[in-house]
Amino acid sequence: MIAPHLEKLSKTHKNILFIIIDTEEMDELIASLEIMALPSFMIYKKGALVDKFAGSHVAILEQLIKKHFSNTSLWTQIVNIFDIL
């Protein structure tokens, strides 16, 4: 389960906003983002999508955090698209 890892990452990386979207509540948004697998992660910087991946791979998420956020103190966000089931 990825939720405990997201909680830990959100406490470690306070300059990153982690947003969790419930697919049952936001089906139109999921369709517009063309989400094909769950969980999916979308990484935005300054409002632009810079990376995304699907799956519960904590190591990949940590690599992407290092890649995109190691040199920034700006507010950034990672969006986790998941299925509540």
Protein backbone atom coordinates (compact mmCIF):
# COMPACT_ATOMS: atom_id res chain seq x y z
CA MET A 1 0.00 0.00 0.00
CA ILE A 2 1.39 3.38 -1.01
CA ALA A 3 -0.58 5.65 1.37
CA PRO A 4 1.86 5.37 4.32
CA HIS A 5 4.76 6.21 2.01
CA LEU A 6 2.95 9.28 0.67
CA GLU A 7 2.33 10.47 4.20
CA LYS A 8 6.02 10.08 5.03
CA LEU A 9 7.11 11.83 1.83
CA SER A 10 4.71 14.72 2.48
CA LYS A 11 6.26 15.23 5.93
CA THR A 12 9.81 15.03 4.54
CA HIS A 13 9.21 17.32 1.55
CA LYS A 14 7.22 20.22 2.94
CA ASN A 15 7.72 22.31 -0.22
CA ILE A 16 5.71 19.75 -2.21
CA LEU A 17 1.94 19.69 -2.09
CA PHE A 18 0.64 16.12 -2.29
CA ILE A 19 -2.95 15.99 -3.52
CA ILE A 20 -5.05 12.83 -3.41
CA ILE A 21 -8.04 12.56 -5.72
CA ASP A 22 -10.78 10.00 -5.20
CA THR A 23 -11.72 8.53 -8.58
CA GLU A 24 -15.28 7.83 -7.49
CA GLU A 25 -15.83 11.49 -6.62
CA MET A 26 -14.00 13.10 -9.54
CA ASP A 27 -14.70 10.89 -12.56
CA GLU A 28 -14.87 13.81 -15.01
CA LEU A 29 -11.47 15.05 -13.89
CA ILE A 30 -10.01 11.55 -14.21
CA ALA A 31 -11.35 11.30 -17.75
CA SER A 32 -9.98 14.71 -18.71
CA LEU A 33 -6.54 13.74 -17.37
CA GLU A 34 -6.70 10.50 -19.36
CA ILE A 35 -5.88 8.31 -16.36
CA MET A 36 -5.56 4.68 -17.48
CA ALA A 37 -4.17 2.97 -14.36
CA LEU A 38 -4.37 3.39 -10.58
CA PRO A 39 -2.65 4.71 -8.65
CA SER A 40 -1.29 7.34 -11.00
CA PHE A 41 1.04 10.18 -10.10
CA MET A 42 1.24 13.47 -11.94
CA ILE A 43 4.00 15.94 -11.15
CA TYR A 44 3.44 19.62 -11.81
CA LYS A 45 5.84 22.54 -11.58
CA LYS A 46 4.56 26.09 -11.96
CA GLY A 47 1.24 24.70 -13.18
CA ALA A 48 2.71 22.58 -15.97
CA LEU A 49 2.74 18.79 -16.06
CA VAL A 50 6.41 17.70 -16.06
CA ASP A 51 6.16 13.98 -15.37
CA LYS A 52 3.75 11.17 -14.59
CA PHE A 53 3.70 7.47 -13.91
CA ALA A 54 1.32 4.77 -12.76
CA GLY A 55 1.86 2.11 -10.12
CA SER A 56 2.73 1.75 -6.46
CA HIS A 57 6.47 2.14 -6.95
CA VAL A 58 7.81 4.21 -4.07
CA ALA A 59 11.36 4.10 -5.46
CA ILE A 60 10.20 5.65 -8.75
CA LEU A 61 8.30 8.37 -6.91
CA GLU A 62 11.38 9.14 -4.80
CA GLN A 63 13.55 9.32 -7.95
CA LEU A 64 11.13 11.75 -9.56
CA ILE A 65 11.07 13.91 -6.44
CA LYS A 66 14.88 14.12 -6.56
CA LYS A 67 14.80 14.80 -10.30
CA HIS A 68 12.24 17.59 -10.22
CA PHE A 69 12.44 19.13 -6.75
CA SER A 70 15.99 18.84 -5.43
CA ASN A 71 16.88 22.37 -6.52
CA THR A 72 13.67 24.21 -5.77
CA SER A 73 12.06 25.84 -2.79
CA LEU A 74 8.98 26.84 -4.78
CA TRP A 75 5.61 25.30 -4.00
CA THR A 76 5.15 22.34 -6.25
CA GLN A 77 2.65 19.54 -6.31
CA ILE A 78 2.36 15.84 -6.88
CA VAL A 79 -1.09 14.58 -7.62
CA ASN A 80 -1.91 11.00 -6.67
CA ILE A 81 -4.89 9.61 -8.53
CA PHE A 82 -6.23 6.55 -6.76
CA ASP A 83 -9.22 4.32 -6.53
CA ILE A 84 -10.91 4.38 -3.10
CA LEU A 85 -11.86 0.69 -3.28
